[in-house]
C-alpha atoms as a PDB file:
ATOM      1  CA  MET A   1     -69.507-118.091 -22.607  1.00  0.00           C
ATOM      2  CA  SER A   2     -67.413-116.865 -19.530  1.00  0.00           C
ATOM      3  CA  PHE A   3     -67.564-113.284 -20.590  1.00  0.00           C
ATOM      4  CA  ALA A   4     -70.336-112.455 -17.961  1.00  0.00           C
ATOM      5  CA  GLY A   5     -68.232-113.873 -15.245  1.00  0.00           C
ATOM      6  CA  THR A   6     -65.388-111.669 -16.438  1.00  0.00           C
ATOM      7  CA  VAL A   7     -67.252-108.600 -16.818  1.00  0.00           C
ATOM      8  CA  SER A   8     -69.002-109.014 -13.421  1.00  0.00           C
ATOM      9  CA  ALA A   9     -65.636-109.450 -11.594  1.00  0.00           C
ATOM     10  CA  MET A  10     -64.354-106.333 -13.298  1.00  0.00           C
ATOM     11  CA  ILE A  11     -67.373-104.278 -12.378  1.00  0.00           C
ATOM     12  CA  THR A  12     -66.945-105.652  -8.784  1.00  0.00           C
ATOM     13  CA  SER A  13     -63.298-104.559  -8.831  1.00  0.00           C
ATOM     14  CA  LEU A  14     -64.059-101.211 -10.157  1.00  0.00           C
ATOM     15  CA  LYS A  15     -66.636-100.552  -7.476  1.00  0.00           C
ATOM     16  CA  ASN A  16     -64.327-101.633  -4.716  1.00  0.00           C
ATOM     17  CA  ASN A  17     -61.495 -99.492  -5.888  1.00  0.00           C
ATOM     18  CA  ALA A  18     -63.978 -96.523  -6.070  1.00  0.00           C
ATOM     19  CA  ARG A  19     -64.814 -96.469  -2.662  1.00  0.00           C
ATOM     20  CA  GLN A  20     -63.694 -93.705  -0.210  1.00  0.00           C
ATOM     21  CA  ARG A  21     -60.508 -94.758   1.585  1.00  0.00           C
ATOM     22  CA  LYS A  22     -59.799 -93.496   5.253  1.00  0.00           C
ATOM     23  CA  SER A  23     -56.688 -91.473   5.534  1.00  0.00           C
ATOM     24  CA  LEU A  24     -54.163 -92.302   8.048  1.00  0.00           C
ATOM     25  CA  TYR A  25     -54.657 -88.723   9.684  1.00  0.00           C
ATOM     26  CA  ASP A  26     -58.429 -88.759   9.633  1.00  0.00           C
ATOM     27  CA  ASN A  27     -58.786 -90.030  13.251  1.00  0.00           C
ATOM     28  CA  LYS A  28     -55.952 -88.203  14.745  1.00  0.00           C
ATOM     29  CA  LEU A  29     -57.012 -85.216  16.607  1.00  0.00           C
ATOM     30  CA  ILE A  30     -53.937 -83.355  16.504  1.00  0.00           C
ATOM     31  CA  PHE A  31     -53.639 -82.963  12.810  1.00  0.00           C
ATOM     32  CA  LYS A  32     -55.901 -80.319  11.163  1.00  0.00           C
ATOM     33  CA  LYS A  33     -56.758 -80.458   7.573  1.00  0.00           C
ATOM     34  CA  THR A  34     -56.613 -77.265   5.827  1.00  0.00           C
ATOM     35  CA  GLN A  35     -57.369 -76.540   2.049  1.00  0.00           C
ATOM     36  CA  LYS A  36     -56.207 -78.666  -0.718  1.00  0.00           C
ATOM     37  CA  ASN A  37     -55.865 -81.578   1.936  1.00  0.00           C
ATOM     38  CA  LYS A  38     -52.489 -80.212   3.428  1.00  0.00           C
ATOM     39  CA  LEU A  39     -51.939 -81.031   6.975  1.00  0.00           C
ATOM     40  CA  LYS A  40     -51.268 -78.355   9.620  1.00  0.00           C
ATOM     41  CA  PHE A  41     -49.547 -79.305  12.642  1.00  0.00           C
ATOM     42  CA  PRO A  42     -50.650 -77.697  15.855  1.00  0.00           C
ATOM     43  CA  ASP A  43     -48.243 -74.871  17.249  1.00  0.00           C
ATOM     44  CA  ILE A  44     -46.823 -76.647  20.347  1.00  0.00           C
ATOM     45  CA  LYS A  45     -43.791 -74.913  21.744  1.00  0.00           C
ATOM     46  CA  ALA A  46     -41.347 -76.866  23.834  1.00  0.00           C
ATOM     47  CA  THR A  47     -38.781 -75.160  26.210  1.00  0.00           C
ATOM     48  CA  PRO A  48     -35.076 -75.411  25.650  1.00  0.00           C
ATOM     49  CA  GLU A  49     -34.926 -77.824  28.658  1.00  0.00           C
ATOM     50  CA  GLN A  50     -37.470 -80.026  27.202  1.00  0.00           C
ATOM     51  CA  LEU A  51     -35.641 -80.169  23.931  1.00  0.00           C
ATOM     52  CA  GLU A  52     -32.384 -80.933  25.619  1.00  0.00           C
ATOM     53  CA  LYS A  53     -34.424 -83.765  27.533  1.00  0.00           C
ATOM     54  CA  ILE A  54     -35.577 -85.154  24.360  1.00  0.00           C
ATOM     55  CA  LYS A  55     -32.192 -84.943  22.732  1.00  0.00           C
ATOM     56  CA  ARG A  56     -30.634 -86.889  25.628  1.00  0.00           C
ATOM     57  CA  GLU A  57     -33.378 -89.574  25.443  1.00  0.00           C
ATOM     58  CA  ALA A  58     -32.906 -90.181  21.756  1.00  0.00           C
ATOM     59  CA  LYS A  59     -29.092 -90.256  22.087  1.00  0.00           C
ATOM     60  CA  ASN A  60     -29.535 -92.915  24.957  1.00  0.00           C
ATOM     61  CA  GLU A  61     -31.971 -94.841  23.035  1.00  0.00           C
ATOM     62  CA  HIS A  62     -29.740 -94.814  20.072  1.00  0.00           C
ATOM     63  CA  ARG A  63     -26.683 -95.937  22.182  1.00  0.00           C
ATOM     64  CA  ILE A  64     -28.729 -98.767  23.567  1.00  0.00           C
ATOM     65  CA  ILE A  65     -29.751-100.008  20.100  1.00  0.00           C
ATOM     66  CA  ILE A  66     -26.078 -99.883  18.849  1.00  0.00           C
ATOM     67  CA  ILE A  67     -24.829-101.723  21.969  1.00  0.00           C
ATOM     68  CA  LYS A  68     -27.544-104.408  21.653  1.00  0.00           C
ATOM     69  CA  ARG A  69     -26.705-104.944  17.834  1.00  0.00           C
ATOM     70  CA  ILE A  70     -22.976-104.967  18.646  1.00  0.00           C
ATOM     71  CA  THR A  71     -23.528-107.630  21.326  1.00  0.00           C
ATOM     72  CA  ALA A  72     -25.690-109.745  18.912  1.00  0.00           C
ATOM     73  CA  LEU A  73     -23.067-109.561  16.302  1.00  0.00           C
ATOM     74  CA  LEU A  74     -20.265-110.540  18.607  1.00  0.00           C
ATOM     75  CA  ILE A  75     -22.214-113.574  20.184  1.00  0.00           C
ATOM     76  CA  SER A  76     -23.236-114.782  16.552  1.00  0.00           C
ATOM     77  CA  LEU A  77     -19.517-114.345  15.413  1.00  0.00           C
ATOM     78  CA  LEU A  78     -18.361-116.485  18.533  1.00  0.00           C
ATOM     79  CA  LEU A  79     -21.085-119.129  17.897  1.00  0.00           C
ATOM     80  CA  ILE A  80     -20.063-119.445  14.163  1.00  0.00           C
ATOM     81  CA  GLY A  81     -16.389-119.559  15.152  1.00  0.00           C
ATOM     82  CA  ALA A  82     -17.004-122.321  17.906  1.00  0.00           C
ATOM     83  CA  THR A  83     -19.006-124.260  15.370  1.00  0.00           C
ATOM     84  CA  LEU A  84     -16.385-124.129  12.837  1.00  0.00           C
ATOM     85  CA  TRP A  85     -13.786-125.135  15.249  1.00  0.00           C
ATOM     86  CA  PHE A  86     -15.764-127.954  16.480  1.00  0.00           C
ATOM     87  CA  VAL A  87     -16.489-129.107  13.005  1.00  0.00           C
ATOM     88  CA  LEU A  88     -12.784-128.962  11.936  1.00  0.00           C
ATOM     89  CA  ALA A  89     -11.682-130.655  14.987  1.00  0.00           C
ATOM     90  CA  TYR A  90     -14.161-133.366  14.941  1.00  0.00           C
ATOM     91  CA  PHE A  91     -13.441-134.327  11.169  1.00  0.00           C
ATOM     92  CA  LYS A  92      -9.729-133.548  11.698  1.00  0.00           C
ATOM     93  CA  LEU A  93      -9.613-131.284   8.729  1.00  0.00           C
ATOM     94  CA  THR A  94      -6.977-129.120   9.976  1.00  0.00           C
END
């Protein structure tokens, strides 16, 4: 008797899946669609000075990220070591 409910849910699911989906690039003005839904990027030229500036900024950002990760790792290792030392000293397991 529950056949009608199952079919109704299936039809609703098929209708929802058949709707037109928005693409990630539909709302972007810098992307242009060409034939066969291929994306064409605008021809924006950068000077060598601008490229060097971009490279320096990327290297600096990467260096900062690495320093933050190493600092977090060292702090966590120190905390784990201090905790182990405290536990071993408190319970006199050494």
